[in-house]
Amino acid sequence: GRFGGSTKVLLFFHGNAEDIGLAEDLLHHLSDSLEVHCIGIEYPGYGIYRDAYASDKGIEEDAVTVYEYLTEDFGIDEKNIIVFGRSIGSGPATYLASVKN
């Protein structure tokens, strides 16, 4: 693998007034610096997901869905998932950390 078989995954929740496209350079930097795989989660109402209804509940549901996809479908151990939220991204990141150890 790119990072010598690293199974660590960083789930990234971006800040306000940006979307995943604008966070791309940061995600590459985090991935290279920390030697982890990064997944940026887009919010309903933002970027490529802009036609969806923006709500706290929507992003919380999406965060849990991505987390469960990684742990259940990909078999990634929960201890190898890092949750990172920047600015307003700290809300869904904290929510996810509170419902999934």
PDB file of N, CA and C in Angstrom:
ATOM      1  N   GLY A   1       0.805  -1.185   0.000  1.00  0.00           N
ATOM      2  CA  GLY A   1       0.000   0.000   0.000  1.00  0.00           C
ATOM      3  C   GLY A   1       0.851   1.252   0.000  1.00  0.00           C
ATOM      4  N   ARG A   2       0.227   2.354  -0.215  1.00  0.00           N
ATOM      5  CA  ARG A   2       0.913   3.643  -0.290  1.00  0.00           C
ATOM      6  C   ARG A   2       1.670   3.962   0.996  1.00  0.00           C
ATOM      7  N   PHE A   3       1.140   3.524   2.129  1.00  0.00           N
ATOM      8  CA  PHE A   3       1.760   3.829   3.414  1.00  0.00           C
ATOM      9  C   PHE A   3       2.225   2.563   4.115  1.00  0.00           C
ATOM     10  N   GLY A   4       2.799   1.643   3.366  1.00  0.00           N
ATOM     11  CA  GLY A   4       3.332   0.436   3.964  1.00  0.00           C
ATOM     12  C   GLY A   4       2.279  -0.412   4.642  1.00  0.00           C
ATOM     13  N   GLY A   5       1.088  -0.452   4.078  1.00  0.00           N
ATOM     14  CA  GLY A   5       0.024  -1.271   4.640  1.00  0.00           C
ATOM     15  C   GLY A   5      -0.747  -0.615   5.768  1.00  0.00           C
ATOM     16  N   SER A   6      -0.631   0.686   5.928  1.00  0.00           N
ATOM     17  CA  SER A   6      -1.365   1.377   6.985  1.00  0.00           C
ATOM     18  C   SER A   6      -2.855   1.121   6.845  1.00  0.00           C
ATOM     19  N   THR A   7      -3.482   0.804   7.958  1.00  0.00           N
ATOM     20  CA  THR A   7      -4.929   0.614   7.961  1.00  0.00           C
ATOM     21  C   THR A   7      -5.624   1.768   8.669  1.00  0.00           C
ATOM     22  N   LYS A   8      -4.899   2.813   8.968  1.00  0.00           N
ATOM     23  CA  LYS A   8      -5.494   3.969   9.644  1.00  0.00           C
ATOM     24  C   LYS A   8      -6.237   4.849   8.635  1.00  0.00           C
ATOM     25  N   VAL A   9      -7.406   5.300   9.062  1.00  0.00           N
ATOM     26  CA  VAL A   9      -8.247   6.145   8.218  1.00  0.00           C
ATOM     27  C   VAL A   9      -8.624   7.395   9.003  1.00  0.00           C
ATOM     28  N   LEU A  10      -8.454   8.548   8.384  1.00  0.00           N
ATOM     29  CA  LEU A  10      -8.858   9.811   8.980  1.00  0.00           C
ATOM     30  C   LEU A  10     -10.148  10.259   8.304  1.00  0.00           C
ATOM     31  N   LEU A  11     -11.219  10.401   9.092  1.00  0.00           N
ATOM     32  CA  LEU A  11     -12.479  10.939   8.584  1.00  0.00           C
ATOM     33  C   LEU A  11     -12.450  12.440   8.809  1.00  0.00           C
ATOM     34  N   PHE A  12     -12.551  13.193   7.727  1.00  0.00           N
ATOM     35  CA  PHE A  12     -12.394  14.645   7.778  1.00  0.00           C
ATOM     36  C   PHE A  12     -13.725  15.345   7.551  1.00  0.00           C
ATOM     37  N   PHE A  13     -14.061  16.249   8.472  1.00  0.00           N
ATOM     38  CA  PHE A  13     -15.255  17.085   8.363  1.00  0.00           C
ATOM     39  C   PHE A  13     -14.790  18.526   8.182  1.00  0.00           C
ATOM     40  N   HIS A  14     -15.064  19.102   7.017  1.00  0.00           N
ATOM     41  CA  HIS A  14     -14.532  20.417   6.659  1.00  0.00           C
ATOM     42  C   HIS A  14     -15.216  21.562   7.389  1.00  0.00           C
ATOM     43  N   GLY A  15     -14.633  22.739   7.228  1.00  0.00           N
ATOM     44  CA  GLY A  15     -15.144  23.946   7.857  1.00  0.00           C
ATOM     45  C   GLY A  15     -16.228  24.619   7.036  1.00  0.00           C
ATOM     46  N   ASN A  16     -16.743  25.718   7.560  1.00  0.00           N
ATOM     47  CA  ASN A  16     -17.773  26.494   6.883  1.00  0.00           C
ATOM     48  C   ASN A  16     -17.178  27.200   5.665  1.00  0.00           C
ATOM     49  N   ALA A  17     -18.017  27.484   4.695  1.00  0.00           N
ATOM     50  CA  ALA A  17     -17.635  28.200   3.472  1.00  0.00           C
ATOM     51  C   ALA A  17     -16.585  27.443   2.669  1.00  0.00           C
ATOM     52  N   GLU A  18     -16.508  26.134   2.839  1.00  0.00           N
ATOM     53  CA  GLU A  18     -15.656  25.304   1.990  1.00  0.00           C
ATOM     54  C   GLU A  18     -16.395  24.005   1.719  1.00  0.00           C
ATOM     55  N   ASP A  19     -15.901  23.266   0.769  1.00  0.00           N
ATOM     56  CA  ASP A  19     -16.439  21.949   0.490  1.00  0.00           C
ATOM     57  C   ASP A  19     -15.260  21.006   0.307  1.00  0.00           C
ATOM     58  N   ILE A  20     -15.526  19.772  -0.021  1.00  0.00           N
ATOM     59  CA  ILE A  20     -14.452  18.789  -0.145  1.00  0.00           C
ATOM     60  C   ILE A  20     -13.447  19.202  -1.218  1.00  0.00           C
ATOM     61  N   GLY A  21     -13.928  19.794  -2.295  1.00  0.00           N
ATOM     62  CA  GLY A  21     -13.011  20.246  -3.346  1.00  0.00           C
ATOM     63  C   GLY A  21     -12.004  21.261  -2.832  1.00  0.00           C
ATOM     64  N   LEU A  22     -12.466  22.193  -2.016  1.00  0.00           N
ATOM     65  CA  LEU A  22     -11.570  23.204  -1.453  1.00  0.00           C
ATOM     66  C   LEU A  22     -10.640  22.621  -0.391  1.00  0.00           C
ATOM     67  N   ALA A  23     -11.033  21.508   0.202  1.00  0.00           N
ATOM     68  CA  ALA A  23     -10.214  20.874   1.246  1.00  0.00           C
ATOM     69  C   ALA A  23      -9.244  19.840   0.678  1.00  0.00           C
ATOM     70  N   GLU A  24      -9.258  19.644  -0.635  1.00  0.00           N
ATOM     71  CA  GLU A  24      -8.449  18.585  -1.246  1.00  0.00           C
ATOM     72  C   GLU A  24      -6.963  18.690  -0.909  1.00  0.00           C
ATOM     73  N   ASP A  25      -6.385  19.871  -1.031  1.00  0.00           N
ATOM     74  CA  ASP A  25      -4.955  20.022  -0.735  1.00  0.00           C
ATOM     75  C   ASP A  25      -4.646  19.670   0.720  1.00  0.00           C
ATOM     76  N   LEU A  26      -5.510  20.102   1.630  1.00  0.00           N
ATOM     77  CA  LEU A  26      -5.312  19.774   3.040  1.00  0.00           C
ATOM     78  C   LEU A  26      -5.402  18.267   3.264  1.00  0.00           C
ATOM     79  N   LEU A  27      -6.358  17.618   2.610  1.00  0.00           N
ATOM     80  CA  LEU A  27      -6.502  16.164   2.763  1.00  0.00           C
ATOM     81  C   LEU A  27      -5.258  15.433   2.274  1.00  0.00           C
ATOM     82  N   HIS A  28      -4.705  15.871   1.152  1.00  0.00           N
ATOM     83  CA  HIS A  28      -3.463  15.260   0.657  1.00  0.00           C
ATOM     84  C   HIS A  28      -2.320  15.489   1.646  1.00  0.00           C
ATOM     85  N   HIS A  29      -2.244  16.701   2.188  1.00  0.00           N
ATOM     86  CA  HIS A  29      -1.192  17.012   3.163  1.00  0.00           C
ATOM     87  C   HIS A  29      -1.329  16.135   4.416  1.00  0.00           C
ATOM     88  N   LEU A  30      -2.547  16.028   4.939  1.00  0.00           N
ATOM     89  CA  LEU A  30      -2.770  15.194   6.121  1.00  0.00           C
ATOM     90  C   LEU A  30      -2.431  13.737   5.837  1.00  0.00           C
ATOM     91  N   SER A  31      -2.859  13.269   4.678  1.00  0.00           N
ATOM     92  CA  SER A  31      -2.597  11.881   4.301  1.00  0.00           C
ATOM     93  C   SER A  31      -1.105  11.597   4.234  1.00  0.00           C
ATOM     94  N   ASP A  32      -0.377  12.472   3.557  1.00  0.00           N
ATOM     95  CA  ASP A  32       1.071  12.282   3.410  1.00  0.00           C
ATOM     96  C   ASP A  32       1.810  12.460   4.737  1.00  0.00           C
ATOM     97  N   SER A  33       1.441  13.470   5.503  1.00  0.00           N
ATOM     98  CA  SER A  33       2.136  13.769   6.758  1.00  0.00           C
ATOM     99  C   SER A  33       1.899  12.712   7.829  1.00  0.00           C
ATOM    100  N   LEU A  34       0.662  12.242   7.911  1.00  0.00           N
ATOM    101  CA  LEU A  34       0.293  11.295   8.967  1.00  0.00           C
ATOM    102  C   LEU A  34       0.346   9.836   8.516  1.00  0.00           C
ATOM    103  N   GLU A  35       0.564   9.635   7.218  1.00  0.00           N
ATOM    104  CA  GLU A  35       0.581   8.293   6.624  1.00  0.00           C
ATOM    105  C   GLU A  35      -0.710   7.538   6.934  1.00  0.00           C
ATOM    106  N   VAL A  36      -1.807   8.188   6.589  1.00  0.00           N
ATOM    107  CA  VAL A  36      -3.140   7.618   6.775  1.00  0.00           C
ATOM    108  C   VAL A  36      -3.927   7.801   5.482  1.00  0.00           C
ATOM    109  N   HIS A  37      -5.000   7.074   5.384  1.00  0.00           N
ATOM    110  CA  HIS A  37      -5.938   7.265   4.281  1.00  0.00           C
ATOM    111  C   HIS A  37      -6.970   8.286   4.758  1.00  0.00           C
ATOM    112  N   CYS A  38      -7.269   9.287   3.945  1.00  0.00           N
ATOM    113  CA  CYS A  38      -8.227  10.330   4.326  1.00  0.00           C
ATOM    114  C   CYS A  38      -9.521  10.187   3.541  1.00  0.00           C
ATOM    115  N   ILE A  39     -10.614  10.341   4.254  1.00  0.00           N
ATOM    116  CA  ILE A  39     -11.929  10.380   3.629  1.00  0.00           C
ATOM    117  C   ILE A  39     -12.586  11.676   4.070  1.00  0.00           C
ATOM    118  N   GLY A  40     -12.888  12.527   3.114  1.00  0.00           N
ATOM    119  CA  GLY A  40     -13.589  13.770   3.398  1.00  0.00           C
ATOM    120  C   GLY A  40     -15.075  13.553   3.222  1.00  0.00           C
ATOM    121  N   ILE A  41     -15.835  13.929   4.204  1.00  0.00           N
ATOM    122  CA  ILE A  41     -17.283  13.739   4.159  1.00  0.00           C
ATOM    123  C   ILE A  41     -17.935  15.067   3.802  1.00  0.00           C
ATOM    124  N   GLU A  42     -18.656  15.070   2.692  1.00  0.00           N
ATOM    125  CA  GLU A  42     -19.356  16.278   2.256  1.00  0.00           C
ATOM    126  C   GLU A  42     -20.668  16.397   3.001  1.00  0.00           C
ATOM    127  N   TYR A  43     -21.099  17.627   3.234  1.00  0.00           N
ATOM    128  CA  TYR A  43     -22.332  17.879   3.964  1.00  0.00           C
ATOM    129  C   TYR A  43     -23.493  18.079   2.998  1.00  0.00           C
ATOM    130  N   PRO A  44     -24.694  17.642   3.412  1.00  0.00           N
ATOM    131  CA  PRO A  44     -25.872  17.969   2.612  1.00  0.00           C
ATOM    132  C   PRO A  44     -25.962  19.490   2.456  1.00  0.00           C
ATOM    133  N   GLY A  45     -26.179  19.942   1.238  1.00  0.00           N
ATOM    134  CA  GLY A  45     -26.280  21.366   0.964  1.00  0.00           C
ATOM    135  C   GLY A  45     -24.975  22.016   0.540  1.00  0.00           C
ATOM    136  N   TYR A  46     -23.881  21.254   0.510  1.00  0.00           N
ATOM    137  CA  TYR A  46     -22.554  21.768   0.143  1.00  0.00           C
ATOM    138  C   TYR A  46     -22.032  21.050  -1.101  1.00  0.00           C
ATOM    139  N   GLY A  47     -21.185  21.745  -1.864  1.00  0.00           N
ATOM    140  CA  GLY A  47     -20.430  21.142  -2.965  1.00  0.00           C
ATOM    141  C   GLY A  47     -21.234  20.219  -3.856  1.00  0.00           C
ATOM    142  N   ILE A  48     -20.716  19.013  -4.058  1.00  0.00           N
ATOM    143  CA  ILE A  48     -21.374  18.046  -4.940  1.00  0.00           C
ATOM    144  C   ILE A  48     -22.673  17.516  -4.348  1.00  0.00           C
ATOM    145  N   TYR A  49     -22.937  17.828  -3.114  1.00  0.00           N
ATOM    146  CA  TYR A  49     -24.124  17.383  -2.382  1.00  0.00           C
ATOM    147  C   TYR A  49     -25.086  18.557  -2.180  1.00  0.00           C
ATOM    148  N   ARG A  50     -24.903  19.621  -2.981  1.00  0.00           N
ATOM    149  CA  ARG A  50     -25.616  20.877  -2.757  1.00  0.00           C
ATOM    150  C   ARG A  50     -27.122  20.797  -2.973  1.00  0.00           C
ATOM    151  N   ASP A  51     -27.597  19.802  -3.719  1.00  0.00           N
ATOM    152  CA  ASP A  51     -29.035  19.693  -3.954  1.00  0.00           C
ATOM    153  C   ASP A  51     -29.772  19.030  -2.796  1.00  0.00           C
ATOM    154  N   ALA A  52     -29.050  18.515  -1.825  1.00  0.00           N
ATOM    155  CA  ALA A  52     -29.668  17.879  -0.661  1.00  0.00           C
ATOM    156  C   ALA A  52     -30.030  18.946   0.374  1.00  0.00           C
ATOM    157  N   TYR A  53     -30.975  18.618   1.221  1.00  0.00           N
ATOM    158  CA  TYR A  53     -31.393  19.536   2.279  1.00  0.00           C
ATOM    159  C   TYR A  53     -30.331  19.564   3.373  1.00  0.00           C
ATOM    160  N   ALA A  54     -29.840  20.746   3.683  1.00  0.00           N
ATOM    161  CA  ALA A  54     -28.812  20.902   4.716  1.00  0.00           C
ATOM    162  C   ALA A  54     -29.435  20.825   6.106  1.00  0.00           C
ATOM    163  N   SER A  55     -28.911  19.916   6.924  1.00  0.00           N
ATOM    164  CA  SER A  55     -29.389  19.800   8.302  1.00  0.00           C
ATOM    165  C   SER A  55     -28.343  19.098   9.155  1.00  0.00           C
ATOM    166  N   ASP A  56     -28.375  19.393  10.441  1.00  0.00           N
ATOM    167  CA  ASP A  56     -27.479  18.702  11.370  1.00  0.00           C
ATOM    168  C   ASP A  56     -27.747  17.203  11.345  1.00  0.00           C
ATOM    169  N   LYS A  57     -29.023  16.843  11.361  1.00  0.00           N
ATOM    170  CA  LYS A  57     -29.387  15.423  11.367  1.00  0.00           C
ATOM    171  C   LYS A  57     -28.847  14.719  10.127  1.00  0.00           C
ATOM    172  N   GLY A  58     -28.910  15.380   8.977  1.00  0.00           N
ATOM    173  CA  GLY A  58     -28.431  14.779   7.735  1.00  0.00           C
ATOM    174  C   GLY A  58     -26.947  14.471   7.774  1.00  0.00           C
ATOM    175  N   ILE A  59     -26.138  15.411   8.247  1.00  0.00           N
ATOM    176  CA  ILE A  59     -24.693  15.163   8.302  1.00  0.00           C
ATOM    177  C   ILE A  59     -24.368  14.139   9.379  1.00  0.00           C
ATOM    178  N   GLU A  60     -25.105  14.152  10.488  1.00  0.00           N
ATOM    179  CA  GLU A  60     -24.870  13.145  11.529  1.00  0.00           C
ATOM    180  C   GLU A  60     -25.166  11.743  10.998  1.00  0.00           C
ATOM    181  N   GLU A  61     -26.271  11.599  10.263  1.00  0.00           N
ATOM    182  CA  GLU A  61     -26.607  10.298   9.674  1.00  0.00           C
ATOM    183  C   GLU A  61     -25.552   9.871   8.662  1.00  0.00           C
ATOM    184  N   ASP A  62     -25.097  10.801   7.840  1.00  0.00           N
ATOM    185  CA  ASP A  62     -24.064  10.477   6.853  1.00  0.00           C
ATOM    186  C   ASP A  62     -22.763  10.067   7.534  1.00  0.00           C
ATOM    187  N   ALA A  63     -22.402  10.753   8.609  1.00  0.00           N
ATOM    188  CA  ALA A  63     -21.171  10.428   9.334  1.00  0.00           C
ATOM    189  C   ALA A  63     -21.227   9.003   9.872  1.00  0.00           C
ATOM    190  N   VAL A  64     -22.343   8.634  10.475  1.00  0.00           N
ATOM    191  CA  VAL A  64     -22.500   7.276  11.007  1.00  0.00           C
ATOM    192  C   VAL A  64     -22.491   6.257   9.873  1.00  0.00           C
ATOM    193  N   THR A  65     -23.128   6.580   8.757  1.00  0.00           N
ATOM    194  CA  THR A  65     -23.155   5.664   7.612  1.00  0.00           C
ATOM    195  C   THR A  65     -21.752   5.390   7.093  1.00  0.00           C
ATOM    196  N   VAL A  66     -20.944   6.433   6.931  1.00  0.00           N
ATOM    197  CA  VAL A  66     -19.569   6.251   6.454  1.00  0.00           C
ATOM    198  C   VAL A  66     -18.768   5.433   7.462  1.00  0.00           C
ATOM    199  N   TYR A  67     -18.900   5.747   8.730  1.00  0.00           N
ATOM    200  CA  TYR A  67     -18.187   5.024   9.787  1.00  0.00           C
ATOM    201  C   TYR A  67     -18.549   3.536   9.752  1.00  0.00           C
ATOM    202  N   GLU A  68     -19.843   3.241   9.680  1.00  0.00           N
ATOM    203  CA  GLU A  68     -20.282   1.845   9.667  1.00  0.00           C
ATOM    204  C   GLU A  68     -19.861   1.137   8.386  1.00  0.00           C
ATOM    205  N   TYR A  69     -19.827   1.844   7.286  1.00  0.00           N
ATOM    206  CA  TYR A  69     -19.340   1.269   6.031  1.00  0.00           C
ATOM    207  C   TYR A  69     -17.879   0.849   6.182  1.00  0.00           C
ATOM    208  N   LEU A  70     -17.072   1.700   6.801  1.00  0.00           N
ATOM    209  CA  LEU A  70     -15.657   1.378   7.000  1.00  0.00           C
ATOM    210  C   LEU A  70     -15.476   0.191   7.936  1.00  0.00           C
ATOM    211  N   THR A  71     -16.222   0.173   9.036  1.00  0.00           N
ATOM    212  CA  THR A  71     -16.031  -0.893  10.024  1.00  0.00           C
ATOM    213  C   THR A  71     -16.701  -2.195   9.618  1.00  0.00           C
ATOM    214  N   GLU A  72     -17.886  -2.121   9.042  1.00  0.00           N
ATOM    215  CA  GLU A  72     -18.634  -3.335   8.719  1.00  0.00           C
ATOM    216  C   GLU A  72     -18.292  -3.896   7.343  1.00  0.00           C
ATOM    217  N   ASP A  73     -18.227  -3.051   6.328  1.00  0.00           N
ATOM    218  CA  ASP A  73     -17.988  -3.539   4.965  1.00  0.00           C
ATOM    219  C   ASP A  73     -16.504  -3.696   4.650  1.00  0.00           C
ATOM    220  N   PHE A  74     -15.680  -2.794   5.167  1.00  0.00           N
ATOM    221  CA  PHE A  74     -14.241  -2.869   4.910  1.00  0.00           C
ATOM    222  C   PHE A  74     -13.481  -3.569   6.031  1.00  0.00           C
ATOM    223  N   GLY A  75     -14.125  -3.786   7.157  1.00  0.00           N
ATOM    224  CA  GLY A  75     -13.490  -4.474   8.270  1.00  0.00           C
ATOM    225  C   GLY A  75     -12.398  -3.679   8.964  1.00  0.00           C
ATOM    226  N   ILE A  76     -12.477  -2.363   8.892  1.00  0.00           N
ATOM    227  CA  ILE A  76     -11.471  -1.524   9.550  1.00  0.00           C
ATOM    228  C   ILE A  76     -11.782  -1.465  11.042  1.00  0.00           C
ATOM    229  N   ASP A  77     -10.784  -1.760  11.841  1.00  0.00           N
ATOM    230  CA  ASP A  77     -10.933  -1.738  13.291  1.00  0.00           C
ATOM    231  C   ASP A  77     -11.223  -0.312  13.753  1.00  0.00           C
ATOM    232  N   GLU A  78     -12.177  -0.180  14.672  1.00  0.00           N
ATOM    233  CA  GLU A  78     -12.555   1.144  15.181  1.00  0.00           C
ATOM    234  C   GLU A  78     -11.367   1.928  15.718  1.00  0.00           C
ATOM    235  N   LYS A  79     -10.393   1.238  16.311  1.00  0.00           N
ATOM    236  CA  LYS A  79      -9.242   1.941  16.888  1.00  0.00           C
ATOM    237  C   LYS A  79      -8.347   2.557  15.815  1.00  0.00           C
ATOM    238  N   ASN A  80      -8.566   2.186  14.549  1.00  0.00           N
ATOM    239  CA  ASN A  80      -7.779   2.732  13.444  1.00  0.00           C
ATOM    240  C   ASN A  80      -8.479   3.872  12.717  1.00  0.00           C
ATOM    241  N   ILE A  81      -9.588   4.341  13.272  1.00  0.00           N
ATOM    242  CA  ILE A  81     -10.321   5.453  12.663  1.00  0.00           C
ATOM    243  C   ILE A  81     -10.093   6.710  13.501  1.00  0.00           C
ATOM    244  N   ILE A  82      -9.613   7.743  12.835  1.00  0.00           N
ATOM    245  CA  ILE A  82      -9.356   9.039  13.463  1.00  0.00           C
ATOM    246  C   ILE A  82     -10.422  10.002  12.955  1.00  0.00           C
ATOM    247  N   VAL A  83     -11.089  10.689  13.855  1.00  0.00           N
ATOM    248  CA  VAL A  83     -12.136  11.640  13.476  1.00  0.00           C
ATOM    249  C   VAL A  83     -11.575  13.051  13.649  1.00  0.00           C
ATOM    250  N   PHE A  84     -11.666  13.845  12.574  1.00  0.00           N
ATOM    251  CA  PHE A  84     -11.066  15.184  12.552  1.00  0.00           C
ATOM    252  C   PHE A  84     -12.106  16.172  12.043  1.00  0.00           C
ATOM    253  N   GLY A  85     -12.406  17.187  12.835  1.00  0.00           N
ATOM    254  CA  GLY A  85     -13.337  18.218  12.411  1.00  0.00           C
ATOM    255  C   GLY A  85     -12.701  19.590  12.503  1.00  0.00           C
ATOM    256  N   ARG A  86     -12.883  20.374  11.452  1.00  0.00           N
ATOM    257  CA  ARG A  86     -12.335  21.733  11.412  1.00  0.00           C
ATOM    258  C   ARG A  86     -13.499  22.720  11.408  1.00  0.00           C
ATOM    259  N   SER A  87     -13.449  23.700  12.292  1.00  0.00           N
ATOM    260  CA  SER A  87     -14.475  24.740  12.365  1.00  0.00           C
ATOM    261  C   SER A  87     -15.846  24.089  12.595  1.00  0.00           C
ATOM    262  N   ILE A  88     -16.823  24.341  11.715  1.00  0.00           N
ATOM    263  CA  ILE A  88     -18.139  23.731  11.925  1.00  0.00           C
ATOM    264  C   ILE A  88     -18.087  22.212  11.793  1.00  0.00           C
ATOM    265  N   GLY A  89     -17.011  21.705  11.239  1.00  0.00           N
ATOM    266  CA  GLY A  89     -16.838  20.257  11.148  1.00  0.00           C
ATOM    267  C   GLY A  89     -16.634  19.602  12.500  1.00  0.00           C
ATOM    268  N   SER A  90     -16.322  20.422  13.516  1.00  0.00           N
ATOM    269  CA  SER A  90     -16.156  19.856  14.855  1.00  0.00           C
ATOM    270  C   SER A  90     -17.483  19.341  15.410  1.00  0.00           C
ATOM    271  N   GLY A  91     -18.595  19.897  14.944  1.00  0.00           N
ATOM    272  CA  GLY A  91     -19.911  19.428  15.391  1.00  0.00           C
ATOM    273  C   GLY A  91     -20.173  17.982  15.001  1.00  0.00           C
ATOM    274  N   PRO A  92     -20.172  17.665  13.693  1.00  0.00           N
ATOM    275  CA  PRO A  92     -20.400  16.270  13.313  1.00  0.00           C
ATOM    276  C   PRO A  92     -19.285  15.334  13.774  1.00  0.00           C
ATOM    277  N   ALA A  93     -18.056  15.839  13.862  1.00  0.00           N
ATOM    278  CA  ALA A  93     -16.955  14.997  14.345  1.00  0.00           C
ATOM    279  C   ALA A  93     -17.187  14.612  15.807  1.00  0.00           C
ATOM    280  N   THR A  94     -17.590  15.583  16.622  1.00  0.00           N
ATOM    281  CA  THR A  94     -17.868  15.312  18.031  1.00  0.00           C
ATOM    282  C   THR A  94     -19.065  14.387  18.180  1.00  0.00           C
ATOM    283  N   TYR A  95     -20.087  14.619  17.366  1.00  0.00           N
ATOM    284  CA  TYR A  95     -21.256  13.736  17.404  1.00  0.00           C
ATOM    285  C   TYR A  95     -20.840  12.298  17.109  1.00  0.00           C
ATOM    286  N   LEU A  96     -20.087  12.100  16.033  1.00  0.00           N
ATOM    287  CA  LEU A  96     -19.673  10.748  15.657  1.00  0.00           C
ATOM    288  C   LEU A  96     -18.850  10.109  16.769  1.00  0.00           C
ATOM    289  N   ALA A  97     -17.922  10.859  17.333  1.00  0.00           N
ATOM    290  CA  ALA A  97     -17.095  10.324  18.420  1.00  0.00           C
ATOM    291  C   ALA A  97     -17.938   9.964  19.643  1.00  0.00           C
ATOM    292  N   SER A  98     -19.040  10.676  19.854  1.00  0.00           N
ATOM    293  CA  SER A  98     -19.879  10.399  21.026  1.00  0.00           C
ATOM    294  C   SER A  98     -20.751   9.159  20.855  1.00  0.00           C
ATOM    295  N   VAL A  99     -21.109   8.829  19.620  1.00  0.00           N
ATOM    296  CA  VAL A  99     -21.974   7.657  19.401  1.00  0.00           C
ATOM    297  C   VAL A  99     -21.193   6.412  18.996  1.00  0.00           C
ATOM    298  N   LYS A 100     -19.978   6.610  18.540  1.00  0.00           N
ATOM    299  CA  LYS A 100     -19.101   5.492  18.163  1.00  0.00           C
ATOM    300  C   LYS A 100     -17.786   5.691  18.887  1.00  0.00           C
ATOM    301  N   ASN A 101     -17.467   4.807  19.776  1.00  0.00           N
ATOM    302  CA  ASN A 101     -16.252   4.965  20.583  1.00  0.00           C
ATOM    303  C   ASN A 101     -15.035   5.123  19.719  1.00  0.00           C
TER     304      ASN A 101
END
